[in-house]
Amino acid sequence: MLVGRTMVLQDYASGSRVLIDAALRQQHIAVNVVQEIGHPATLFPMVDAGIGISILPALALPLPSGRALTVRRLYPEINRSLMLIKRKNRSLTPAAEAIWQEVRQQAALLTYQRT
């Protein structure tokens, strides 16, 4: 259903864009990218305005409230692993630890919701 669709995607500064392009190639899906955006929050108003559809990782951002946008799962589902890399014998700052714990909790919630 994505073949030939008009797309608004993140630019290549995003690590997700490389993965999304690879997934589209793997599935032999050619799309028409009409706009590349630096931050996912910018995608929502563009999609809402009808410029195109978008693909974002599940952990990217929640949908903004008050918009008539919907989220649809893509099949086949392509997953990636997130890992924390830090220097040996070093600990995270309290802020970094809080962020990492939030990412872990959200990833666990998404995994639970998929089952």
PDB file of N, CA and C in Angstrom:
ATOM      1  N   MET A   1       0.808  -1.199   0.000  1.00  0.00           N
ATOM      2  CA  MET A   1       0.000   0.000   0.000  1.00  0.00           C
ATOM      3  C   MET A   1       0.855   1.269   0.000  1.00  0.00           C
ATOM      4  N   LEU A   2       2.160   1.138   0.255  1.00  0.00           N
ATOM      5  CA  LEU A   2       3.029   2.314   0.264  1.00  0.00           C
ATOM      6  C   LEU A   2       3.640   2.632  -1.097  1.00  0.00           C
ATOM      7  N   VAL A   3       3.561   1.693  -2.033  1.00  0.00           N
ATOM      8  CA  VAL A   3       4.195   1.890  -3.342  1.00  0.00           C
ATOM      9  C   VAL A   3       3.663   3.157  -4.002  1.00  0.00           C
ATOM     10  N   GLY A   4       4.599   4.044  -4.373  1.00  0.00           N
ATOM     11  CA  GLY A   4       4.256   5.261  -5.081  1.00  0.00           C
ATOM     12  C   GLY A   4       3.657   6.367  -4.220  1.00  0.00           C
ATOM     13  N   ARG A   5       3.515   6.143  -2.931  1.00  0.00           N
ATOM     14  CA  ARG A   5       2.910   7.154  -2.056  1.00  0.00           C
ATOM     15  C   ARG A   5       3.828   8.360  -1.896  1.00  0.00           C
ATOM     16  N   THR A   6       3.251   9.507  -1.661  1.00  0.00           N
ATOM     17  CA  THR A   6       3.979  10.741  -1.378  1.00  0.00           C
ATOM     18  C   THR A   6       4.349  10.722   0.097  1.00  0.00           C
ATOM     19  N   MET A   7       5.644  10.914   0.373  1.00  0.00           N
ATOM     20  CA  MET A   7       6.146  10.772   1.732  1.00  0.00           C
ATOM     21  C   MET A   7       6.835  12.036   2.230  1.00  0.00           C
ATOM     22  N   VAL A   8       6.687  12.288   3.518  1.00  0.00           N
ATOM     23  CA  VAL A   8       7.451  13.292   4.252  1.00  0.00           C
ATOM     24  C   VAL A   8       8.260  12.500   5.266  1.00  0.00           C
ATOM     25  N   LEU A   9       9.583  12.500   5.104  1.00  0.00           N
ATOM     26  CA  LEU A   9      10.444  11.686   5.974  1.00  0.00           C
ATOM     27  C   LEU A   9      11.496  12.541   6.651  1.00  0.00           C
ATOM     28  N   GLN A  10      12.076  11.984   7.702  1.00  0.00           N
ATOM     29  CA  GLN A  10      13.203  12.654   8.333  1.00  0.00           C
ATOM     30  C   GLN A  10      14.379  12.658   7.375  1.00  0.00           C
ATOM     31  N   ASP A  11      15.289  13.609   7.567  1.00  0.00           N
ATOM     32  CA  ASP A  11      16.470  13.655   6.704  1.00  0.00           C
ATOM     33  C   ASP A  11      17.515  12.653   7.203  1.00  0.00           C
ATOM     34  N   TYR A  12      18.663  12.642   6.542  1.00  0.00           N
ATOM     35  CA  TYR A  12      19.670  11.637   6.850  1.00  0.00           C
ATOM     36  C   TYR A  12      20.479  11.942   8.103  1.00  0.00           C
ATOM     37  N   ALA A  13      20.224  13.060   8.772  1.00  0.00           N
ATOM     38  CA  ALA A  13      20.831  13.298  10.080  1.00  0.00           C
ATOM     39  C   ALA A  13      20.226  12.343  11.104  1.00  0.00           C
ATOM     40  N   SER A  14      19.065  11.804  10.793  1.00  0.00           N
ATOM     41  CA  SER A  14      18.394  10.852  11.666  1.00  0.00           C
ATOM     42  C   SER A  14      18.900   9.442  11.366  1.00  0.00           C
ATOM     43  N   GLY A  15      19.252   8.727  12.395  1.00  0.00           N
ATOM     44  CA  GLY A  15      19.631   7.329  12.209  1.00  0.00           C
ATOM     45  C   GLY A  15      18.467   6.488  11.732  1.00  0.00           C
ATOM     46  N   SER A  16      17.257   6.936  12.008  1.00  0.00           N
ATOM     47  CA  SER A  16      16.072   6.197  11.587  1.00  0.00           C
ATOM     48  C   SER A  16      15.887   6.228  10.082  1.00  0.00           C
ATOM     49  N   ARG A  17      16.268   7.303   9.440  1.00  0.00           N
ATOM     50  CA  ARG A  17      16.043   7.425   7.995  1.00  0.00           C
ATOM     51  C   ARG A  17      16.784   6.349   7.229  1.00  0.00           C
ATOM     52  N   VAL A  18      18.006   6.074   7.610  1.00  0.00           N
ATOM     53  CA  VAL A  18      18.777   5.021   6.935  1.00  0.00           C
ATOM     54  C   VAL A  18      18.061   3.680   7.083  1.00  0.00           C
ATOM     55  N   LEU A  19      17.540   3.412   8.273  1.00  0.00           N
ATOM     56  CA  LEU A  19      16.835   2.155   8.518  1.00  0.00           C
ATOM     57  C   LEU A  19      15.521   2.083   7.750  1.00  0.00           C
ATOM     58  N   ILE A  20      14.806   3.205   7.671  1.00  0.00           N
ATOM     59  CA  ILE A  20      13.544   3.235   6.928  1.00  0.00           C
ATOM     60  C   ILE A  20      13.799   3.010   5.449  1.00  0.00           C
ATOM     61  N   ASP A  21      14.816   3.670   4.888  1.00  0.00           N
ATOM     62  CA  ASP A  21      15.149   3.462   3.483  1.00  0.00           C
ATOM     63  C   ASP A  21      15.525   2.007   3.210  1.00  0.00           C
ATOM     64  N   ALA A  22      16.299   1.416   4.108  1.00  0.00           N
ATOM     65  CA  ALA A  22      16.699   0.015   3.932  1.00  0.00           C
ATOM     66  C   ALA A  22      15.482  -0.906   3.979  1.00  0.00           C
ATOM     67  N   ALA A  23      14.543  -0.628   4.893  1.00  0.00           N
ATOM     68  CA  ALA A  23      13.338  -1.454   4.988  1.00  0.00           C
ATOM     69  C   ALA A  23      12.493  -1.327   3.726  1.00  0.00           C
ATOM     70  N   LEU A  24      12.379  -0.117   3.191  1.00  0.00           N
ATOM     71  CA  LEU A  24      11.614   0.069   1.950  1.00  0.00           C
ATOM     72  C   LEU A  24      12.271  -0.677   0.789  1.00  0.00           C
ATOM     73  N   ARG A  25      13.596  -0.586   0.704  1.00  0.00           N
ATOM     74  CA  ARG A  25      14.311  -1.318  -0.360  1.00  0.00           C
ATOM     75  C   ARG A  25      14.129  -2.818  -0.204  1.00  0.00           C
ATOM     76  N   GLN A  26      14.236  -3.298   1.035  1.00  0.00           N
ATOM     77  CA  GLN A  26      14.103  -4.727   1.311  1.00  0.00           C
ATOM     78  C   GLN A  26      12.739  -5.251   0.856  1.00  0.00           C
ATOM     79  N   GLN A  27      11.716  -4.424   0.989  1.00  0.00           N
ATOM     80  CA  GLN A  27      10.362  -4.819   0.604  1.00  0.00           C
ATOM     81  C   GLN A  27      10.022  -4.431  -0.844  1.00  0.00           C
ATOM     82  N   HIS A  28      11.010  -3.866  -1.568  1.00  0.00           N
ATOM     83  CA  HIS A  28      10.827  -3.435  -2.962  1.00  0.00           C
ATOM     84  C   HIS A  28       9.717  -2.399  -3.090  1.00  0.00           C
ATOM     85  N   ILE A  29       9.771  -1.401  -2.209  1.00  0.00           N
ATOM     86  CA  ILE A  29       8.764  -0.341  -2.193  1.00  0.00           C
ATOM     87  C   ILE A  29       9.418   0.958  -2.628  1.00  0.00           C
ATOM     88  N   ALA A  30       8.952   1.504  -3.730  1.00  0.00           N
ATOM     89  CA  ALA A  30       9.438   2.805  -4.208  1.00  0.00           C
ATOM     90  C   ALA A  30       8.429   3.863  -3.790  1.00  0.00           C
ATOM     91  N   VAL A  31       8.925   4.903  -3.111  1.00  0.00           N
ATOM     92  CA  VAL A  31       8.047   5.985  -2.658  1.00  0.00           C
ATOM     93  C   VAL A  31       8.556   7.300  -3.236  1.00  0.00           C
ATOM     94  N   ASN A  32       7.723   8.318  -3.169  1.00  0.00           N
ATOM     95  CA  ASN A  32       8.064   9.653  -3.649  1.00  0.00           C
ATOM     96  C   ASN A  32       8.266  10.556  -2.432  1.00  0.00           C
ATOM     97  N   VAL A  33       9.527  10.808  -2.065  1.00  0.00           N
ATOM     98  CA  VAL A  33       9.824  11.652  -0.914  1.00  0.00           C
ATOM     99  C   VAL A  33       9.781  13.103  -1.374  1.00  0.00           C
ATOM    100  N   VAL A  34       8.771  13.849  -0.915  1.00  0.00           N
ATOM    101  CA  VAL A  34       8.591  15.236  -1.346  1.00  0.00           C
ATOM    102  C   VAL A  34       9.186  16.232  -0.361  1.00  0.00           C
ATOM    103  N   GLN A  35       9.445  15.785   0.874  1.00  0.00           N
ATOM    104  CA  GLN A  35      10.017  16.693   1.863  1.00  0.00           C
ATOM    105  C   GLN A  35      10.820  15.895   2.875  1.00  0.00           C
ATOM    106  N   GLU A  36      12.007  16.399   3.209  1.00  0.00           N
ATOM    107  CA  GLU A  36      12.832  15.809   4.256  1.00  0.00           C
ATOM    108  C   GLU A  36      12.908  16.798   5.403  1.00  0.00           C
ATOM    109  N   ILE A  37      12.708  16.316   6.603  1.00  0.00           N
ATOM    110  CA  ILE A  37      12.587  17.149   7.784  1.00  0.00           C
ATOM    111  C   ILE A  37      13.665  16.766   8.791  1.00  0.00           C
ATOM    112  N   GLY A  38      14.161  17.744   9.522  1.00  0.00           N
ATOM    113  CA  GLY A  38      15.204  17.492  10.507  1.00  0.00           C
ATOM    114  C   GLY A  38      14.706  16.922  11.823  1.00  0.00           C
ATOM    115  N   HIS A  39      13.481  17.227  12.225  1.00  0.00           N
ATOM    116  CA  HIS A  39      12.988  16.769  13.526  1.00  0.00           C
ATOM    117  C   HIS A  39      11.593  16.171  13.368  1.00  0.00           C
ATOM    118  N   PRO A  40      11.331  15.053  14.059  1.00  0.00           N
ATOM    119  CA  PRO A  40      10.037  14.392  13.888  1.00  0.00           C
ATOM    120  C   PRO A  40       8.828  15.268  14.222  1.00  0.00           C
ATOM    121  N   ALA A  41       8.968  16.200  15.156  1.00  0.00           N
ATOM    122  CA  ALA A  41       7.826  17.049  15.519  1.00  0.00           C
ATOM    123  C   ALA A  41       7.355  17.891  14.340  1.00  0.00           C
ATOM    124  N   THR A  42       8.235  18.178  13.396  1.00  0.00           N
ATOM    125  CA  THR A  42       7.880  18.961  12.215  1.00  0.00           C
ATOM    126  C   THR A  42       7.056  18.138  11.227  1.00  0.00           C
ATOM    127  N   LEU A  43       7.173  16.819  11.315  1.00  0.00           N
ATOM    128  CA  LEU A  43       6.433  15.956  10.384  1.00  0.00           C
ATOM    129  C   LEU A  43       4.926  16.027  10.587  1.00  0.00           C
ATOM    130  N   PHE A  44       4.500  16.087  11.832  1.00  0.00           N
ATOM    131  CA  PHE A  44       3.073  16.015  12.117  1.00  0.00           C
ATOM    132  C   PHE A  44       2.264  17.107  11.430  1.00  0.00           C
ATOM    133  N   PRO A  45       2.667  18.391  11.518  1.00  0.00           N
ATOM    134  CA  PRO A  45       1.873  19.413  10.816  1.00  0.00           C
ATOM    135  C   PRO A  45       1.868  19.218   9.305  1.00  0.00           C
ATOM    136  N   MET A  46       2.974  18.715   8.749  1.00  0.00           N
ATOM    137  CA  MET A  46       3.033  18.510   7.294  1.00  0.00           C
ATOM    138  C   MET A  46       2.113  17.368   6.866  1.00  0.00           C
ATOM    139  N   VAL A  47       2.110  16.298   7.633  1.00  0.00           N
ATOM    140  CA  VAL A  47       1.217  15.176   7.334  1.00  0.00           C
ATOM    141  C   VAL A  47      -0.229  15.619   7.546  1.00  0.00           C
ATOM    142  N   ASP A  48      -0.461  16.353   8.621  1.00  0.00           N
ATOM    143  CA  ASP A  48      -1.803  16.860   8.916  1.00  0.00           C
ATOM    144  C   ASP A  48      -2.312  17.771   7.803  1.00  0.00           C
ATOM    145  N   ALA A  49      -1.405  18.512   7.159  1.00  0.00           N
ATOM    146  CA  ALA A  49      -1.776  19.415   6.070  1.00  0.00           C
ATOM    147  C   ALA A  49      -1.984  18.672   4.752  1.00  0.00           C
ATOM    148  N   GLY A  50      -1.673  17.370   4.725  1.00  0.00           N
ATOM    149  CA  GLY A  50      -1.915  16.583   3.522  1.00  0.00           C
ATOM    150  C   GLY A  50      -0.758  16.548   2.537  1.00  0.00           C
ATOM    151  N   ILE A  51       0.434  16.973   2.962  1.00  0.00           N
ATOM    152  CA  ILE A  51       1.594  16.968   2.054  1.00  0.00           C
ATOM    153  C   ILE A  51       2.022  15.549   1.720  1.00  0.00           C
ATOM    154  N   GLY A  52       1.869  14.649   2.646  1.00  0.00           N
ATOM    155  CA  GLY A  52       2.234  13.260   2.422  1.00  0.00           C
ATOM    156  C   GLY A  52       2.063  12.471   3.699  1.00  0.00           C
ATOM    157  N   ILE A  53       2.426  11.200   3.639  1.00  0.00           N
ATOM    158  CA  ILE A  53       2.396  10.367   4.832  1.00  0.00           C
ATOM    159  C   ILE A  53       3.828  10.200   5.315  1.00  0.00           C
ATOM    160  N   SER A  54       3.998   9.631   6.500  1.00  0.00           N
ATOM    161  CA  SER A  54       5.330   9.495   7.042  1.00  0.00           C
ATOM    162  C   SER A  54       5.492   8.156   7.744  1.00  0.00           C
ATOM    163  N   ILE A  55       6.736   7.778   7.946  1.00  0.00           N
ATOM    164  CA  ILE A  55       7.084   6.578   8.700  1.00  0.00           C
ATOM    165  C   ILE A  55       8.022   7.027   9.814  1.00  0.00           C
ATOM    166  N   LEU A  56       7.668   6.684  11.031  1.00  0.00           N
ATOM    167  CA  LEU A  56       8.493   7.003  12.188  1.00  0.00           C
ATOM    168  C   LEU A  56       8.631   5.770  13.064  1.00  0.00           C
ATOM    169  N   PRO A  57       9.770   5.635  13.749  1.00  0.00           N
ATOM    170  CA  PRO A  57       9.879   4.544  14.725  1.00  0.00           C
ATOM    171  C   PRO A  57       8.870   4.750  15.855  1.00  0.00           C
ATOM    172  N   ALA A  58       8.461   3.671  16.469  1.00  0.00           N
ATOM    173  CA  ALA A  58       7.447   3.743  17.516  1.00  0.00           C
ATOM    174  C   ALA A  58       7.874   4.612  18.694  1.00  0.00           C
ATOM    175  N   LEU A  59       9.158   4.693  18.981  1.00  0.00           N
ATOM    176  CA  LEU A  59       9.624   5.495  20.111  1.00  0.00           C
ATOM    177  C   LEU A  59       9.888   6.949  19.753  1.00  0.00           C
ATOM    178  N   ALA A  60       9.607   7.356  18.520  1.00  0.00           N
ATOM    179  CA  ALA A  60       9.970   8.715  18.088  1.00  0.00           C
ATOM    180  C   ALA A  60       9.283   9.787  18.912  1.00  0.00           C
ATOM    181  N   LEU A  61       8.013   9.904  18.817  1.00  0.00           N
ATOM    182  CA  LEU A  61       7.243  10.921  19.545  1.00  0.00           C
ATOM    183  C   LEU A  61       5.795  10.488  19.604  1.00  0.00           C
ATOM    184  N   PRO A  62       5.090  10.875  20.634  1.00  0.00           N
ATOM    185  CA  PRO A  62       3.644  10.614  20.614  1.00  0.00           C
ATOM    186  C   PRO A  62       2.961  11.580  19.652  1.00  0.00           C
ATOM    187  N   LEU A  63       1.820  11.180  19.146  1.00  0.00           N
ATOM    188  CA  LEU A  63       1.042  12.077  18.295  1.00  0.00           C
ATOM    189  C   LEU A  63       0.615  13.300  19.097  1.00  0.00           C
ATOM    190  N   PRO A  64       0.681  14.465  18.497  1.00  0.00           N
ATOM    191  CA  PRO A  64       0.195  15.646  19.212  1.00  0.00           C
ATOM    192  C   PRO A  64      -1.317  15.570  19.394  1.00  0.00           C
ATOM    193  N   SER A  65      -1.793  16.010  20.535  1.00  0.00           N
ATOM    194  CA  SER A  65      -3.231  15.960  20.783  1.00  0.00           C
ATOM    195  C   SER A  65      -3.948  16.996  19.922  1.00  0.00           C
ATOM    196  N   GLY A  66      -5.178  16.706  19.602  1.00  0.00           N
ATOM    197  CA  GLY A  66      -5.988  17.640  18.838  1.00  0.00           C
ATOM    198  C   GLY A  66      -5.806  17.555  17.335  1.00  0.00           C
ATOM    199  N   ARG A  67      -5.068  16.597  16.850  1.00  0.00           N
ATOM    200  CA  ARG A  67      -4.877  16.436  15.405  1.00  0.00           C
ATOM    201  C   ARG A  67      -5.661  15.217  14.931  1.00  0.00           C
ATOM    202  N   ALA A  68      -6.058  15.258  13.677  1.00  0.00           N
ATOM    203  CA  ALA A  68      -6.841  14.156  13.110  1.00  0.00           C
ATOM    204  C   ALA A  68      -5.935  13.107  12.464  1.00  0.00           C
ATOM    205  N   LEU A  69      -4.759  12.892  13.017  1.00  0.00           N
ATOM    206  CA  LEU A  69      -3.819  11.920  12.465  1.00  0.00           C
ATOM    207  C   LEU A  69      -4.054  10.550  13.096  1.00  0.00           C
ATOM    208  N   THR A  70      -3.746   9.510  12.348  1.00  0.00           N
ATOM    209  CA  THR A  70      -3.839   8.157  12.883  1.00  0.00           C
ATOM    210  C   THR A  70      -2.508   7.452  12.690  1.00  0.00           C
ATOM    211  N   VAL A  71      -2.262   6.483  13.519  1.00  0.00           N
ATOM    212  CA  VAL A  71      -1.057   5.660  13.436  1.00  0.00           C
ATOM    213  C   VAL A  71      -1.468   4.294  12.948  1.00  0.00           C
ATOM    214  N   ARG A  72      -0.740   3.786  11.987  1.00  0.00           N
ATOM    215  CA  ARG A  72      -0.994   2.437  11.492  1.00  0.00           C
ATOM    216  C   ARG A  72       0.304   1.648  11.549  1.00  0.00           C
ATOM    217  N   ARG A  73       0.193   0.431  11.967  1.00  0.00           N
ATOM    218  CA  ARG A  73       1.379  -0.431  12.006  1.00  0.00           C
ATOM    219  C   ARG A  73       1.709  -0.888  10.599  1.00  0.00           C
ATOM    220  N   LEU A  74       2.983  -1.008  10.339  1.00  0.00           N
ATOM    221  CA  LEU A  74       3.445  -1.502   9.048  1.00  0.00           C
ATOM    222  C   LEU A  74       3.798  -2.977   9.161  1.00  0.00           C
ATOM    223  N   TYR A  75       3.474  -3.710   8.129  1.00  0.00           N
ATOM    224  CA  TYR A  75       3.809  -5.133   8.071  1.00  0.00           C
ATOM    225  C   TYR A  75       4.568  -5.396   6.788  1.00  0.00           C
ATOM    226  N   PRO A  76       5.581  -6.215   6.802  1.00  0.00           N
ATOM    227  CA  PRO A  76       6.099  -6.880   7.985  1.00  0.00           C
ATOM    228  C   PRO A  76       6.762  -5.872   8.919  1.00  0.00           C
ATOM    229  N   GLU A  77       6.682  -6.150  10.185  1.00  0.00           N
ATOM    230  CA  GLU A  77       7.265  -5.274  11.193  1.00  0.00           C
ATOM    231  C   GLU A  77       8.776  -5.485  11.210  1.00  0.00           C
ATOM    232  N   ILE A  78       9.513  -4.413  11.203  1.00  0.00           N
ATOM    233  CA  ILE A  78      10.969  -4.481  11.244  1.00  0.00           C
ATOM    234  C   ILE A  78      11.413  -3.806  12.526  1.00  0.00           C
ATOM    235  N   ASN A  79      12.118  -4.544  13.345  1.00  0.00           N
ATOM    236  CA  ASN A  79      12.534  -4.045  14.651  1.00  0.00           C
ATOM    237  C   ASN A  79      14.036  -3.827  14.694  1.00  0.00           C
ATOM    238  N   ARG A  80      14.439  -2.987  15.627  1.00  0.00           N
ATOM    239  CA  ARG A  80      15.864  -2.791  15.876  1.00  0.00           C
ATOM    240  C   ARG A  80      16.084  -2.799  17.373  1.00  0.00           C
ATOM    241  N   SER A  81      17.324  -2.981  17.741  1.00  0.00           N
ATOM    242  CA  SER A  81      17.686  -2.992  19.156  1.00  0.00           C
ATOM    243  C   SER A  81      18.314  -1.667  19.536  1.00  0.00           C
ATOM    244  N   LEU A  82      17.996  -1.223  20.721  1.00  0.00           N
ATOM    245  CA  LEU A  82      18.636  -0.047  21.283  1.00  0.00           C
ATOM    246  C   LEU A  82      19.554  -0.525  22.393  1.00  0.00           C
ATOM    247  N   MET A  83      20.757   0.024  22.427  1.00  0.00           N
ATOM    248  CA  MET A  83      21.656  -0.362  23.501  1.00  0.00           C
ATOM    249  C   MET A  83      22.360   0.861  24.044  1.00  0.00           C
ATOM    250  N   LEU A  84      22.741   0.757  25.281  1.00  0.00           N
ATOM    251  CA  LEU A  84      23.464   1.819  25.947  1.00  0.00           C
ATOM    252  C   LEU A  84      24.946   1.487  25.881  1.00  0.00           C
ATOM    253  N   ILE A  85      25.743   2.418  25.414  1.00  0.00           N
ATOM    254  CA  ILE A  85      27.187   2.243  25.363  1.00  0.00           C
ATOM    255  C   ILE A  85      27.805   3.325  26.232  1.00  0.00           C
ATOM    256  N   LYS A  86      28.652   2.907  27.148  1.00  0.00           N
ATOM    257  CA  LYS A  86      29.313   3.872  28.013  1.00  0.00           C
ATOM    258  C   LYS A  86      30.758   3.423  28.248  1.00  0.00           C
ATOM    259  N   ARG A  87      31.562   4.341  28.716  1.00  0.00           N
ATOM    260  CA  ARG A  87      32.962   4.023  29.000  1.00  0.00           C
ATOM    261  C   ARG A  87      33.063   3.067  30.184  1.00  0.00           C
ATOM    262  N   LYS A  88      34.094   2.253  30.138  1.00  0.00           N
ATOM    263  CA  LYS A  88      34.361   1.303  31.206  1.00  0.00           C
ATOM    264  C   LYS A  88      34.589   2.062  32.515  1.00  0.00           C
ATOM    265  N   ASN A  89      34.037   1.543  33.585  1.00  0.00           N
ATOM    266  CA  ASN A  89      34.179   2.113  34.928  1.00  0.00           C
ATOM    267  C   ASN A  89      33.618   3.528  35.042  1.00  0.00           C
ATOM    268  N   ARG A  90      32.665   3.870  34.224  1.00  0.00           N
ATOM    269  CA  ARG A  90      32.009   5.178  34.296  1.00  0.00           C
ATOM    270  C   ARG A  90      30.522   4.962  34.520  1.00  0.00           C
ATOM    271  N   SER A  91      29.916   5.889  35.188  1.00  0.00           N
ATOM    272  CA  SER A  91      28.473   5.822  35.385  1.00  0.00           C
ATOM    273  C   SER A  91      27.817   6.947  34.590  1.00  0.00           C
ATOM    274  N   LEU A  92      26.519   6.817  34.392  1.00  0.00           N
ATOM    275  CA  LEU A  92      25.766   7.846  33.699  1.00  0.00           C
ATOM    276  C   LEU A  92      25.498   9.012  34.641  1.00  0.00           C
ATOM    277  N   THR A  93      25.332  10.182  34.062  1.00  0.00           N
ATOM    278  CA  THR A  93      24.882  11.311  34.865  1.00  0.00           C
ATOM    279  C   THR A  93      23.447  11.021  35.293  1.00  0.00           C
ATOM    280  N   PRO A  94      22.963  11.651  36.338  1.00  0.00           N
ATOM    281  CA  PRO A  94      21.569  11.411  36.740  1.00  0.00           C
ATOM    282  C   PRO A  94      20.565  11.696  35.611  1.00  0.00           C
ATOM    283  N   ALA A  95      20.810  12.743  34.835  1.00  0.00           N
ATOM    284  CA  ALA A  95      19.897  13.049  33.727  1.00  0.00           C
ATOM    285  C   ALA A  95      19.928  11.950  32.668  1.00  0.00           C
ATOM    286  N   ALA A  96      21.119  11.492  32.299  1.00  0.00           N
ATOM    287  CA  ALA A  96      21.245  10.430  31.301  1.00  0.00           C
ATOM    288  C   ALA A  96      20.621   9.135  31.803  1.00  0.00           C
ATOM    289  N   GLU A  97      20.796   8.833  33.074  1.00  0.00           N
ATOM    290  CA  GLU A  97      20.192   7.628  33.654  1.00  0.00           C
ATOM    291  C   GLU A  97      18.668   7.711  33.605  1.00  0.00           C
ATOM    292  N   ALA A  98      18.110   8.876  33.909  1.00  0.00           N
ATOM    293  CA  ALA A  98      16.660   9.053  33.858  1.00  0.00           C
ATOM    294  C   ALA A  98      16.141   8.862  32.438  1.00  0.00           C
ATOM    295  N   ILE A  99      16.844   9.414  31.461  1.00  0.00           N
ATOM    296  CA  ILE A  99      16.435   9.267  30.052  1.00  0.00           C
ATOM    297  C   ILE A  99      16.508   7.804  29.632  1.00  0.00           C
ATOM    298  N   TRP A 100      17.595   7.133  29.990  1.00  0.00           N
ATOM    299  CA  TRP A 100      17.752   5.732  29.610  1.00  0.00           C
ATOM    300  C   TRP A 100      16.640   4.875  30.235  1.00  0.00           C
ATOM    301  N   GLN A 101      16.300   5.135  31.486  1.00  0.00           N
ATOM    302  CA  GLN A 101      15.227   4.380  32.133  1.00  0.00           C
ATOM    303  C   GLN A 101      13.882   4.635  31.450  1.00  0.00           C
ATOM    304  N   GLU A 102      13.637   5.868  31.031  1.00  0.00           N
ATOM    305  CA  GLU A 102      12.390   6.186  30.316  1.00  0.00           C
ATOM    306  C   GLU A 102      12.326   5.449  28.975  1.00  0.00           C
ATOM    307  N   VAL A 103      13.432   5.418  28.254  1.00  0.00           N
ATOM    308  CA  VAL A 103      13.489   4.689  26.977  1.00  0.00           C
ATOM    309  C   VAL A 103      13.205   3.212  27.213  1.00  0.00           C
ATOM    310  N   ARG A 104      13.802   2.636  28.236  1.00  0.00           N
ATOM    311  CA  ARG A 104      13.580   1.221  28.543  1.00  0.00           C
ATOM    312  C   ARG A 104      12.115   0.950  28.879  1.00  0.00           C
ATOM    313  N   GLN A 105      11.510   1.823  29.676  1.00  0.00           N
ATOM    314  CA  GLN A 105      10.108   1.643  30.054  1.00  0.00           C
ATOM    315  C   GLN A 105       9.183   1.759  28.843  1.00  0.00           C
ATOM    316  N   GLN A 106       9.428   2.747  28.000  1.00  0.00           N
ATOM    317  CA  GLN A 106       8.585   2.924  26.816  1.00  0.00           C
ATOM    318  C   GLN A 106       8.750   1.758  25.850  1.00  0.00           C
ATOM    319  N   ALA A 107       9.973   1.278  25.691  1.00  0.00           N
ATOM    320  CA  ALA A 107      10.208   0.126  24.814  1.00  0.00           C
ATOM    321  C   ALA A 107       9.496  -1.110  25.361  1.00  0.00           C
ATOM    322  N   ALA A 108       9.540  -1.306  26.666  1.00  0.00           N
ATOM    323  CA  ALA A 108       8.838  -2.445  27.275  1.00  0.00           C
ATOM    324  C   ALA A 108       7.334  -2.315  27.087  1.00  0.00           C
ATOM    325  N   LEU A 109       6.807  -1.108  27.243  1.00  0.00           N
ATOM    326  CA  LEU A 109       5.373  -0.877  27.041  1.00  0.00           C
ATOM    327  C   LEU A 109       4.974  -1.175  25.592  1.00  0.00           C
ATOM    328  N   LEU A 110       5.761  -0.709  24.632  1.00  0.00           N
ATOM    329  CA  LEU A 110       5.453  -0.981  23.229  1.00  0.00           C
ATOM    330  C   LEU A 110       5.511  -2.480  22.944  1.00  0.00           C
ATOM    331  N   THR A 111       6.487  -3.169  23.497  1.00  0.00           N
ATOM    332  CA  THR A 111       6.590  -4.613  23.300  1.00  0.00           C
ATOM    333  C   THR A 111       5.368  -5.313  23.878  1.00  0.00           C
ATOM    334  N   TYR A 112       4.944  -4.901  25.065  1.00  0.00           N
ATOM    335  CA  TYR A 112       3.761  -5.487  25.690  1.00  0.00           C
ATOM    336  C   TYR A 112       2.508  -5.246  24.844  1.00  0.00           C
ATOM    337  N   GLN A 113       2.364  -4.027  24.325  1.00  0.00           N
ATOM    338  CA  GLN A 113       1.180  -3.685  23.536  1.00  0.00           C
ATOM    339  C   GLN A 113       1.127  -4.453  22.211  1.00  0.00           C
ATOM    340  N   ARG A 114       2.272  -4.870  21.699  1.00  0.00           N
ATOM    341  CA  ARG A 114       2.313  -5.619  20.433  1.00  0.00           C
ATOM    342  C   ARG A 114       1.904  -7.070  20.610  1.00  0.00           C
ATOM    343  N   THR A 115       2.022  -7.586  21.828  1.00  0.00           N
ATOM    344  CA  THR A 115       1.713  -9.012  22.057  1.00  0.00           C
ATOM    345  C   THR A 115       0.255  -9.209  22.352  1.00  0.00           C
TER     346      THR A 115
END
